[in-house]
Amino acid sequence: MAEEPIRRQLQVINPQGMHARPAALLVKLANQFKCEIDLIKDNMRVDAKSILNLMTLAAEQGTILHMEARGVDAAAAADAIEKLFLGGLGDLDEPPSVPEQ
């Protein structure tokens, strides 16, 4: 039986939304993990390890995204990505630290 995915609800809080720089930061973080990580907006599901896919979400400030992480390190990935979103995707005065793995 496959493991249930780790799910989190995330909100884009930075004023500029998920533009290229925060998307690149998210991709860099997501690629540090072995698990699969998807972000979902409405009916669109994208791979969080692809900057092109993330940009198709057009996630402006206030956008609610749902994250699903599946695999061996899914819980750690979900925690790290949630922390990145809570810190404004690196666009607020005090950017969050991105943990190295």
PDB file of N, CA and C in Angstrom:
ATOM      1  N   MET A   1       0.836  -1.173   0.000  1.00  0.00           N
ATOM      2  CA  MET A   1       0.000   0.000   0.000  1.00  0.00           C
ATOM      3  C   MET A   1       0.889   1.248   0.000  1.00  0.00           C
ATOM      4  N   ALA A   2       0.617   2.186  -0.868  1.00  0.00           N
ATOM      5  CA  ALA A   2       1.410   3.408  -0.967  1.00  0.00           C
ATOM      6  C   ALA A   2       1.150   4.315   0.227  1.00  0.00           C
ATOM      7  N   GLU A   3       2.188   5.030   0.616  1.00  0.00           N
ATOM      8  CA  GLU A   3       2.043   5.977   1.721  1.00  0.00           C
ATOM      9  C   GLU A   3       1.167   7.142   1.310  1.00  0.00           C
ATOM     10  N   GLU A   4       0.434   7.667   2.262  1.00  0.00           N
ATOM     11  CA  GLU A   4      -0.361   8.870   2.013  1.00  0.00           C
ATOM     12  C   GLU A   4       0.574  10.054   1.843  1.00  0.00           C
ATOM     13  N   PRO A   5       0.260  10.958   0.935  1.00  0.00           N
ATOM     14  CA  PRO A   5       1.117  12.141   0.775  1.00  0.00           C
ATOM     15  C   PRO A   5       0.996  13.074   1.972  1.00  0.00           C
ATOM     16  N   ILE A   6       2.050  13.828   2.213  1.00  0.00           N
ATOM     17  CA  ILE A   6       2.025  14.891   3.213  1.00  0.00           C
ATOM     18  C   ILE A   6       1.399  16.092   2.522  1.00  0.00           C
ATOM     19  N   ARG A   7       0.362  16.661   3.107  1.00  0.00           N
ATOM     20  CA  ARG A   7      -0.343  17.784   2.488  1.00  0.00           C
ATOM     21  C   ARG A   7      -0.230  19.030   3.358  1.00  0.00           C
ATOM     22  N   ARG A   8      -0.049  20.155   2.697  1.00  0.00           N
ATOM     23  CA  ARG A   8      -0.022  21.447   3.386  1.00  0.00           C
ATOM     24  C   ARG A   8      -0.757  22.471   2.534  1.00  0.00           C
ATOM     25  N   GLN A   9      -1.397  23.394   3.189  1.00  0.00           N
ATOM     26  CA  GLN A   9      -1.975  24.540   2.493  1.00  0.00           C
ATOM     27  C   GLN A   9      -1.020  25.710   2.678  1.00  0.00           C
ATOM     28  N   LEU A  10      -0.654  26.352   1.589  1.00  0.00           N
ATOM     29  CA  LEU A  10       0.321  27.437   1.605  1.00  0.00           C
ATOM     30  C   LEU A  10      -0.319  28.691   1.016  1.00  0.00           C
ATOM     31  N   GLN A  11       0.091  29.835   1.528  1.00  0.00           N
ATOM     32  CA  GLN A  11      -0.395  31.092   0.967  1.00  0.00           C
ATOM     33  C   GLN A  11       0.795  31.940   0.531  1.00  0.00           C
ATOM     34  N   VAL A  12       0.684  32.509  -0.657  1.00  0.00           N
ATOM     35  CA  VAL A  12       1.710  33.416  -1.157  1.00  0.00           C
ATOM     36  C   VAL A  12       1.478  34.754  -0.456  1.00  0.00           C
ATOM     37  N   ILE A  13       2.423  35.154   0.421  1.00  0.00           N
ATOM     38  CA  ILE A  13       2.224  36.379   1.205  1.00  0.00           C
ATOM     39  C   ILE A  13       3.074  37.547   0.727  1.00  0.00           C
ATOM     40  N   ASN A  14       4.080  37.280  -0.088  1.00  0.00           N
ATOM     41  CA  ASN A  14       4.928  38.382  -0.523  1.00  0.00           C
ATOM     42  C   ASN A  14       4.178  39.241  -1.550  1.00  0.00           C
ATOM     43  N   PRO A  15       4.376  40.558  -1.509  1.00  0.00           N
ATOM     44  CA  PRO A  15       3.605  41.472  -2.352  1.00  0.00           C
ATOM     45  C   PRO A  15       3.737  41.226  -3.859  1.00  0.00           C
ATOM     46  N   GLN A  16       4.871  40.739  -4.318  1.00  0.00           N
ATOM     47  CA  GLN A  16       5.066  40.531  -5.753  1.00  0.00           C
ATOM     48  C   GLN A  16       4.595  39.157  -6.233  1.00  0.00           C
ATOM     49  N   GLY A  17       4.120  38.326  -5.344  1.00  0.00           N
ATOM     50  CA  GLY A  17       3.695  36.989  -5.730  1.00  0.00           C
ATOM     51  C   GLY A  17       4.887  36.096  -6.045  1.00  0.00           C
ATOM     52  N   MET A  18       4.608  34.961  -6.688  1.00  0.00           N
ATOM     53  CA  MET A  18       5.681  34.026  -7.017  1.00  0.00           C
ATOM     54  C   MET A  18       6.229  34.368  -8.405  1.00  0.00           C
ATOM     55  N   HIS A  19       7.107  35.354  -8.438  1.00  0.00           N
ATOM     56  CA  HIS A  19       7.779  35.703  -9.685  1.00  0.00           C
ATOM     57  C   HIS A  19       9.041  34.855  -9.811  1.00  0.00           C
ATOM     58  N   ALA A  20       9.898  35.182 -10.761  1.00  0.00           N
ATOM     59  CA  ALA A  20      11.030  34.307 -11.098  1.00  0.00           C
ATOM     60  C   ALA A  20      11.971  34.035  -9.926  1.00  0.00           C
ATOM     61  N   ARG A  21      12.349  35.056  -9.160  1.00  0.00           N
ATOM     62  CA  ARG A  21      13.325  34.843  -8.081  1.00  0.00           C
ATOM     63  C   ARG A  21      12.776  33.925  -6.984  1.00  0.00           C
ATOM     64  N   PRO A  22      11.566  34.178  -6.457  1.00  0.00           N
ATOM     65  CA  PRO A  22      11.068  33.240  -5.447  1.00  0.00           C
ATOM     66  C   PRO A  22      10.799  31.840  -6.005  1.00  0.00           C
ATOM     67  N   ALA A  23      10.389  31.769  -7.259  1.00  0.00           N
ATOM     68  CA  ALA A  23      10.173  30.449  -7.864  1.00  0.00           C
ATOM     69  C   ALA A  23      11.495  29.693  -7.948  1.00  0.00           C
ATOM     70  N   ALA A  24      12.562  30.390  -8.305  1.00  0.00           N
ATOM     71  CA  ALA A  24      13.881  29.751  -8.377  1.00  0.00           C
ATOM     72  C   ALA A  24      14.334  29.282  -6.999  1.00  0.00           C
ATOM     73  N   LEU A  25      14.055  30.074  -5.978  1.00  0.00           N
ATOM     74  CA  LEU A  25      14.409  29.689  -4.613  1.00  0.00           C
ATOM     75  C   LEU A  25      13.635  28.438  -4.192  1.00  0.00           C
ATOM     76  N   LEU A  26      12.366  28.389  -4.542  1.00  0.00           N
ATOM     77  CA  LEU A  26      11.540  27.223  -4.228  1.00  0.00           C
ATOM     78  C   LEU A  26      12.051  25.980  -4.961  1.00  0.00           C
ATOM     79  N   VAL A  27      12.391  26.125  -6.233  1.00  0.00           N
ATOM     80  CA  VAL A  27      12.917  25.000  -7.012  1.00  0.00           C
ATOM     81  C   VAL A  27      14.228  24.497  -6.408  1.00  0.00           C
ATOM     82  N   LYS A  28      15.103  25.419  -6.033  1.00  0.00           N
ATOM     83  CA  LYS A  28      16.376  25.034  -5.422  1.00  0.00           C
ATOM     84  C   LYS A  28      16.138  24.226  -4.149  1.00  0.00           C
ATOM     85  N   LEU A  29      15.207  24.694  -3.323  1.00  0.00           N
ATOM     86  CA  LEU A  29      14.887  23.986  -2.085  1.00  0.00           C
ATOM     87  C   LEU A  29      14.259  22.623  -2.388  1.00  0.00           C
ATOM     88  N   ALA A  30      13.275  22.590  -3.265  1.00  0.00           N
ATOM     89  CA  ALA A  30      12.566  21.343  -3.575  1.00  0.00           C
ATOM     90  C   ALA A  30      13.515  20.278  -4.120  1.00  0.00           C
ATOM     91  N   ASN A  31      14.495  20.697  -4.906  1.00  0.00           N
ATOM     92  CA  ASN A  31      15.433  19.746  -5.502  1.00  0.00           C
ATOM     93  C   ASN A  31      16.444  19.177  -4.514  1.00  0.00           C
ATOM     94  N   GLN A  32      16.431  19.674  -3.290  1.00  0.00           N
ATOM     95  CA  GLN A  32      17.295  19.098  -2.251  1.00  0.00           C
ATOM     96  C   GLN A  32      16.688  17.821  -1.661  1.00  0.00           C
ATOM     97  N   PHE A  33      15.451  17.538  -2.024  1.00  0.00           N
ATOM     98  CA  PHE A  33      14.745  16.382  -1.472  1.00  0.00           C
ATOM     99  C   PHE A  33      14.511  15.334  -2.559  1.00  0.00           C
ATOM    100  N   LYS A  34      14.434  14.082  -2.142  1.00  0.00           N
ATOM    101  CA  LYS A  34      14.225  12.977  -3.074  1.00  0.00           C
ATOM    102  C   LYS A  34      12.750  12.782  -3.419  1.00  0.00           C
ATOM    103  N   CYS A  35      11.867  13.222  -2.558  1.00  0.00           N
ATOM    104  CA  CYS A  35      10.440  12.983  -2.749  1.00  0.00           C
ATOM    105  C   CYS A  35       9.880  13.790  -3.921  1.00  0.00           C
ATOM    106  N   GLU A  36       8.696  13.394  -4.359  1.00  0.00           N
ATOM    107  CA  GLU A  36       7.952  14.150  -5.355  1.00  0.00           C
ATOM    108  C   GLU A  36       7.191  15.252  -4.624  1.00  0.00           C
ATOM    109  N   ILE A  37       7.200  16.457  -5.190  1.00  0.00           N
ATOM    110  CA  ILE A  37       6.520  17.585  -4.561  1.00  0.00           C
ATOM    111  C   ILE A  37       5.676  18.279  -5.634  1.00  0.00           C
ATOM    112  N   ASP A  38       4.383  18.327  -5.409  1.00  0.00           N
ATOM    113  CA  ASP A  38       3.470  18.999  -6.326  1.00  0.00           C
ATOM    114  C   ASP A  38       2.827  20.185  -5.634  1.00  0.00           C
ATOM    115  N   LEU A  39       2.588  21.240  -6.404  1.00  0.00           N
ATOM    116  CA  LEU A  39       1.785  22.366  -5.944  1.00  0.00           C
ATOM    117  C   LEU A  39       0.524  22.395  -6.784  1.00  0.00           C
ATOM    118  N   ILE A  40      -0.599  22.673  -6.141  1.00  0.00           N
ATOM    119  CA  ILE A  40      -1.892  22.629  -6.805  1.00  0.00           C
ATOM    120  C   ILE A  40      -2.595  23.964  -6.597  1.00  0.00           C
ATOM    121  N   LYS A  41      -3.058  24.546  -7.703  1.00  0.00           N
ATOM    122  CA  LYS A  41      -3.871  25.763  -7.675  1.00  0.00           C
ATOM    123  C   LYS A  41      -5.088  25.477  -8.529  1.00  0.00           C
ATOM    124  N   ASP A  42      -6.258  25.576  -7.924  1.00  0.00           N
ATOM    125  CA  ASP A  42      -7.500  25.232  -8.620  1.00  0.00           C
ATOM    126  C   ASP A  42      -7.371  23.802  -9.149  1.00  0.00           C
ATOM    127  N   ASN A  43      -7.451  23.602 -10.456  1.00  0.00           N
ATOM    128  CA  ASN A  43      -7.341  22.259 -11.032  1.00  0.00           C
ATOM    129  C   ASN A  43      -5.992  22.014 -11.684  1.00  0.00           C
ATOM    130  N   MET A  44      -5.018  22.902 -11.429  1.00  0.00           N
ATOM    131  CA  MET A  44      -3.700  22.779 -12.046  1.00  0.00           C
ATOM    132  C   MET A  44      -2.708  22.220 -11.031  1.00  0.00           C
ATOM    133  N   ARG A  45      -2.062  21.115 -11.391  1.00  0.00           N
ATOM    134  CA  ARG A  45      -1.057  20.467 -10.541  1.00  0.00           C
ATOM    135  C   ARG A  45       0.284  20.558 -11.266  1.00  0.00           C
ATOM    136  N   VAL A  46       1.306  21.085 -10.557  1.00  0.00           N
ATOM    137  CA  VAL A  46       2.620  21.225 -11.182  1.00  0.00           C
ATOM    138  C   VAL A  46       3.703  20.655 -10.273  1.00  0.00           C
ATOM    139  N   ASP A  47       4.798  20.295 -10.893  1.00  0.00           N
ATOM    140  CA  ASP A  47       5.982  19.790 -10.192  1.00  0.00           C
ATOM    141  C   ASP A  47       6.735  20.976  -9.593  1.00  0.00           C
ATOM    142  N   ALA A  48       6.924  20.974  -8.284  1.00  0.00           N
ATOM    143  CA  ALA A  48       7.602  22.083  -7.597  1.00  0.00           C
ATOM    144  C   ALA A  48       9.099  22.109  -7.882  1.00  0.00           C
ATOM    145  N   LYS A  49       9.610  21.128  -8.598  1.00  0.00           N
ATOM    146  CA  LYS A  49      11.036  21.095  -8.925  1.00  0.00           C
ATOM    147  C   LYS A  49      11.320  21.692 -10.301  1.00  0.00           C
ATOM    148  N   SER A  50      10.292  22.291 -10.918  1.00  0.00           N
ATOM    149  CA  SER A  50      10.432  22.881 -12.250  1.00  0.00           C
ATOM    150  C   SER A  50       9.997  24.343 -12.218  1.00  0.00           C
ATOM    151  N   ILE A  51      10.933  25.256 -12.508  1.00  0.00           N
ATOM    152  CA  ILE A  51      10.597  26.674 -12.485  1.00  0.00           C
ATOM    153  C   ILE A  51       9.548  27.019 -13.542  1.00  0.00           C
ATOM    154  N   LEU A  52       9.628  26.397 -14.709  1.00  0.00           N
ATOM    155  CA  LEU A  52       8.637  26.677 -15.745  1.00  0.00           C
ATOM    156  C   LEU A  52       7.243  26.265 -15.296  1.00  0.00           C
ATOM    157  N   ASN A  53       7.147  25.123 -14.652  1.00  0.00           N
ATOM    158  CA  ASN A  53       5.847  24.682 -14.142  1.00  0.00           C
ATOM    159  C   ASN A  53       5.322  25.639 -13.081  1.00  0.00           C
ATOM    160  N   LEU A  54       6.192  26.071 -12.180  1.00  0.00           N
ATOM    161  CA  LEU A  54       5.746  26.989 -11.125  1.00  0.00           C
ATOM    162  C   LEU A  54       5.236  28.303 -11.694  1.00  0.00           C
ATOM    163  N   MET A  55       5.894  28.804 -12.720  1.00  0.00           N
ATOM    164  CA  MET A  55       5.492  30.078 -13.298  1.00  0.00           C
ATOM    165  C   MET A  55       4.104  29.997 -13.939  1.00  0.00           C
ATOM    166  N   THR A  56       3.691  28.818 -14.379  1.00  0.00           N
ATOM    167  CA  THR A  56       2.362  28.680 -14.986  1.00  0.00           C
ATOM    168  C   THR A  56       1.239  28.860 -13.972  1.00  0.00           C
ATOM    169  N   LEU A  57       1.564  28.777 -12.685  1.00  0.00           N
ATOM    170  CA  LEU A  57       0.538  28.959 -11.653  1.00  0.00           C
ATOM    171  C   LEU A  57       0.077  30.412 -11.532  1.00  0.00           C
ATOM    172  N   ALA A  58       0.910  31.350 -11.971  1.00  0.00           N
ATOM    173  CA  ALA A  58       0.587  32.780 -11.852  1.00  0.00           C
ATOM    174  C   ALA A  58       0.079  33.085 -10.440  1.00  0.00           C
ATOM    175  N   ALA A  59       0.857  32.694  -9.453  1.00  0.00           N
ATOM    176  CA  ALA A  59       0.462  32.813  -8.045  1.00  0.00           C
ATOM    177  C   ALA A  59       0.775  34.210  -7.518  1.00  0.00           C
ATOM    178  N   GLU A  60      -0.252  35.034  -7.445  1.00  0.00           N
ATOM    179  CA  GLU A  60      -0.119  36.395  -6.932  1.00  0.00           C
ATOM    180  C   GLU A  60      -0.237  36.397  -5.412  1.00  0.00           C
ATOM    181  N   GLN A  61       0.031  37.559  -4.816  1.00  0.00           N
ATOM    182  CA  GLN A  61      -0.131  37.684  -3.367  1.00  0.00           C
ATOM    183  C   GLN A  61      -1.553  37.280  -2.983  1.00  0.00           C
ATOM    184  N   GLY A  62      -1.650  36.459  -1.946  1.00  0.00           N
ATOM    185  CA  GLY A  62      -2.945  35.986  -1.463  1.00  0.00           C
ATOM    186  C   GLY A  62      -3.370  34.650  -2.043  1.00  0.00           C
ATOM    187  N   THR A  63      -2.695  34.188  -3.075  1.00  0.00           N
ATOM    188  CA  THR A  63      -3.036  32.900  -3.690  1.00  0.00           C
ATOM    189  C   THR A  63      -2.826  31.769  -2.692  1.00  0.00           C
ATOM    190  N   ILE A  64      -3.803  30.883  -2.619  1.00  0.00           N
ATOM    191  CA  ILE A  64      -3.698  29.677  -1.792  1.00  0.00           C
ATOM    192  C   ILE A  64      -3.274  28.524  -2.697  1.00  0.00           C
ATOM    193  N   LEU A  65      -2.198  27.869  -2.313  1.00  0.00           N
ATOM    194  CA  LEU A  65      -1.699  26.693  -3.032  1.00  0.00           C
ATOM    195  C   LEU A  65      -1.767  25.499  -2.087  1.00  0.00           C
ATOM    196  N   HIS A  66      -1.990  24.347  -2.652  1.00  0.00           N
ATOM    197  CA  HIS A  66      -1.967  23.109  -1.880  1.00  0.00           C
ATOM    198  C   HIS A  66      -0.738  22.326  -2.304  1.00  0.00           C
ATOM    199  N   MET A  67       0.006  21.862  -1.328  1.00  0.00           N
ATOM    200  CA  MET A  67       1.222  21.103  -1.605  1.00  0.00           C
ATOM    201  C   MET A  67       0.993  19.649  -1.223  1.00  0.00           C
ATOM    202  N   GLU A  68       1.503  18.757  -2.057  1.00  0.00           N
ATOM    203  CA  GLU A  68       1.532  17.334  -1.743  1.00  0.00           C
ATOM    204  C   GLU A  68       2.947  16.841  -1.960  1.00  0.00           C
ATOM    205  N   ALA A  69       3.497  16.192  -0.948  1.00  0.00           N
ATOM    206  CA  ALA A  69       4.835  15.613  -1.031  1.00  0.00           C
ATOM    207  C   ALA A  69       4.710  14.116  -0.769  1.00  0.00           C
ATOM    208  N   ARG A  70       5.332  13.328  -1.643  1.00  0.00           N
ATOM    209  CA  ARG A  70       5.261  11.876  -1.536  1.00  0.00           C
ATOM    210  C   ARG A  70       6.651  11.283  -1.655  1.00  0.00           C
ATOM    211  N   GLY A  71       7.007  10.466  -0.671  1.00  0.00           N
ATOM    212  CA  GLY A  71       8.299   9.796  -0.733  1.00  0.00           C
ATOM    213  C   GLY A  71       9.006   9.785   0.602  1.00  0.00           C
ATOM    214  N   VAL A  72      10.232   9.328   0.566  1.00  0.00           N
ATOM    215  CA  VAL A  72      11.007   9.040   1.763  1.00  0.00           C
ATOM    216  C   VAL A  72      11.209  10.263   2.662  1.00  0.00           C
ATOM    217  N   ASP A  73      11.434  11.416   2.112  1.00  0.00           N
ATOM    218  CA  ASP A  73      11.700  12.607   2.924  1.00  0.00           C
ATOM    219  C   ASP A  73      10.599  13.665   2.783  1.00  0.00           C
ATOM    220  N   ALA A  74       9.379  13.202   2.528  1.00  0.00           N
ATOM    221  CA  ALA A  74       8.255  14.103   2.271  1.00  0.00           C
ATOM    222  C   ALA A  74       7.964  15.032   3.445  1.00  0.00           C
ATOM    223  N   ALA A  75       8.028  14.533   4.663  1.00  0.00           N
ATOM    224  CA  ALA A  75       7.723  15.375   5.821  1.00  0.00           C
ATOM    225  C   ALA A  75       8.737  16.511   5.956  1.00  0.00           C
ATOM    226  N   ALA A  76      10.002  16.204   5.782  1.00  0.00           N
ATOM    227  CA  ALA A  76      11.047  17.234   5.864  1.00  0.00           C
ATOM    228  C   ALA A  76      10.890  18.255   4.748  1.00  0.00           C
ATOM    229  N   ALA A  77      10.565  17.784   3.548  1.00  0.00           N
ATOM    230  CA  ALA A  77      10.357  18.692   2.422  1.00  0.00           C
ATOM    231  C   ALA A  77       9.173  19.611   2.676  1.00  0.00           C
ATOM    232  N   ALA A  78       8.080  19.045   3.168  1.00  0.00           N
ATOM    233  CA  ALA A  78       6.885  19.843   3.450  1.00  0.00           C
ATOM    234  C   ALA A  78       7.181  20.905   4.499  1.00  0.00           C
ATOM    235  N   ASP A  79       7.914  20.548   5.535  1.00  0.00           N
ATOM    236  CA  ASP A  79       8.269  21.510   6.582  1.00  0.00           C
ATOM    237  C   ASP A  79       9.127  22.643   6.020  1.00  0.00           C
ATOM    238  N   ALA A  80      10.124  22.303   5.216  1.00  0.00           N
ATOM    239  CA  ALA A  80      11.032  23.308   4.668  1.00  0.00           C
ATOM    240  C   ALA A  80      10.307  24.245   3.705  1.00  0.00           C
ATOM    241  N   ILE A  81       9.444  23.696   2.865  1.00  0.00           N
ATOM    242  CA  ILE A  81       8.722  24.524   1.900  1.00  0.00           C
ATOM    243  C   ILE A  81       7.698  25.402   2.601  1.00  0.00           C
ATOM    244  N   GLU A  82       7.043  24.856   3.616  1.00  0.00           N
ATOM    245  CA  GLU A  82       6.098  25.677   4.387  1.00  0.00           C
ATOM    246  C   GLU A  82       6.834  26.856   5.039  1.00  0.00           C
ATOM    247  N   LYS A  83       8.017  26.611   5.580  1.00  0.00           N
ATOM    248  CA  LYS A  83       8.811  27.670   6.200  1.00  0.00           C
ATOM    249  C   LYS A  83       9.182  28.746   5.162  1.00  0.00           C
ATOM    250  N   LEU A  84       9.527  28.313   3.958  1.00  0.00           N
ATOM    251  CA  LEU A  84       9.868  29.250   2.895  1.00  0.00           C
ATOM    252  C   LEU A  84       8.671  30.144   2.555  1.00  0.00           C
ATOM    253  N   PHE A  85       7.483  29.559   2.464  1.00  0.00           N
ATOM    254  CA  PHE A  85       6.279  30.347   2.180  1.00  0.00           C
ATOM    255  C   PHE A  85       5.958  31.293   3.330  1.00  0.00           C
ATOM    256  N   LEU A  86       6.094  30.822   4.562  1.00  0.00           N
ATOM    257  CA  LEU A  86       5.823  31.681   5.725  1.00  0.00           C
ATOM    258  C   LEU A  86       6.786  32.859   5.785  1.00  0.00           C
ATOM    259  N   GLY A  87       7.979  32.696   5.218  1.00  0.00           N
ATOM    260  CA  GLY A  87       8.961  33.764   5.166  1.00  0.00           C
ATOM    261  C   GLY A  87       8.825  34.650   3.937  1.00  0.00           C
ATOM    262  N   GLY A  88       7.753  34.474   3.172  1.00  0.00           N
ATOM    263  CA  GLY A  88       7.528  35.337   2.020  1.00  0.00           C
ATOM    264  C   GLY A  88       8.331  34.961   0.793  1.00  0.00           C
ATOM    265  N   LEU A  89       8.731  33.708   0.679  1.00  0.00           N
ATOM    266  CA  LEU A  89       9.478  33.225  -0.485  1.00  0.00           C
ATOM    267  C   LEU A  89      10.748  34.031  -0.736  1.00  0.00           C
ATOM    268  N   GLY A  90      11.355  34.507   0.343  1.00  0.00           N
ATOM    269  CA  GLY A  90      12.612  35.236   0.219  1.00  0.00           C
ATOM    270  C   GLY A  90      12.455  36.689  -0.174  1.00  0.00           C
ATOM    271  N   ASP A  91      11.221  37.185  -0.270  1.00  0.00           N
ATOM    272  CA  ASP A  91      10.982  38.561  -0.718  1.00  0.00           C
ATOM    273  C   ASP A  91      10.660  39.541   0.406  1.00  0.00           C
ATOM    274  N   LEU A  92      10.627  39.092   1.624  1.00  0.00           N
ATOM    275  CA  LEU A  92      10.342  40.001   2.731  1.00  0.00           C
ATOM    276  C   LEU A  92      11.649  40.502   3.322  1.00  0.00           C
ATOM    277  N   ASP A  93      11.574  41.438   4.246  1.00  0.00           N
ATOM    278  CA  ASP A  93      12.766  42.062   4.812  1.00  0.00           C
ATOM    279  C   ASP A  93      13.769  41.056   5.358  1.00  0.00           C
ATOM    280  N   GLU A  94      13.275  40.043   6.015  1.00  0.00           N
ATOM    281  CA  GLU A  94      14.162  39.028   6.603  1.00  0.00           C
ATOM    282  C   GLU A  94      13.949  37.713   5.878  1.00  0.00           C
ATOM    283  N   PRO A  95      14.756  37.433   4.843  1.00  0.00           N
ATOM    284  CA  PRO A  95      14.557  36.186   4.110  1.00  0.00           C
ATOM    285  C   PRO A  95      14.839  34.982   4.991  1.00  0.00           C
ATOM    286  N   PRO A  96      14.045  33.910   4.814  1.00  0.00           N
ATOM    287  CA  PRO A  96      14.275  32.714   5.619  1.00  0.00           C
ATOM    288  C   PRO A  96      15.526  31.998   5.150  1.00  0.00           C
ATOM    289  N   SER A  97      16.120  31.263   6.055  1.00  0.00           N
ATOM    290  CA  SER A  97      17.279  30.469   5.654  1.00  0.00           C
ATOM    291  C   SER A  97      16.759  29.204   4.965  1.00  0.00           C
ATOM    292  N   VAL A  98      17.443  28.806   3.915  1.00  0.00           N
ATOM    293  CA  VAL A  98      17.092  27.580   3.202  1.00  0.00           C
ATOM    294  C   VAL A  98      18.032  26.497   3.701  1.00  0.00           C
ATOM    295  N   PRO A  99      17.481  25.473   4.357  1.00  0.00           N
ATOM    296  CA  PRO A  99      18.357  24.445   4.919  1.00  0.00           C
ATOM    297  C   PRO A  99      19.070  23.666   3.836  1.00  0.00           C
ATOM    298  N   GLU A 100      20.345  23.417   4.052  1.00  0.00           N
ATOM    299  CA  GLU A 100      21.133  22.595   3.145  1.00  0.00           C
ATOM    300  C   GLU A 100      20.981  21.148   3.560  1.00  0.00           C
ATOM    301  N   GLN A 101      20.924  20.257   2.601  1.00  0.00           N
ATOM    302  CA  GLN A 101      20.828  18.835   2.930  1.00  0.00           C
ATOM    303  C   GLN A 101      21.990  18.087   2.363  1.00  0.00           C
TER     304      GLN A 101
END
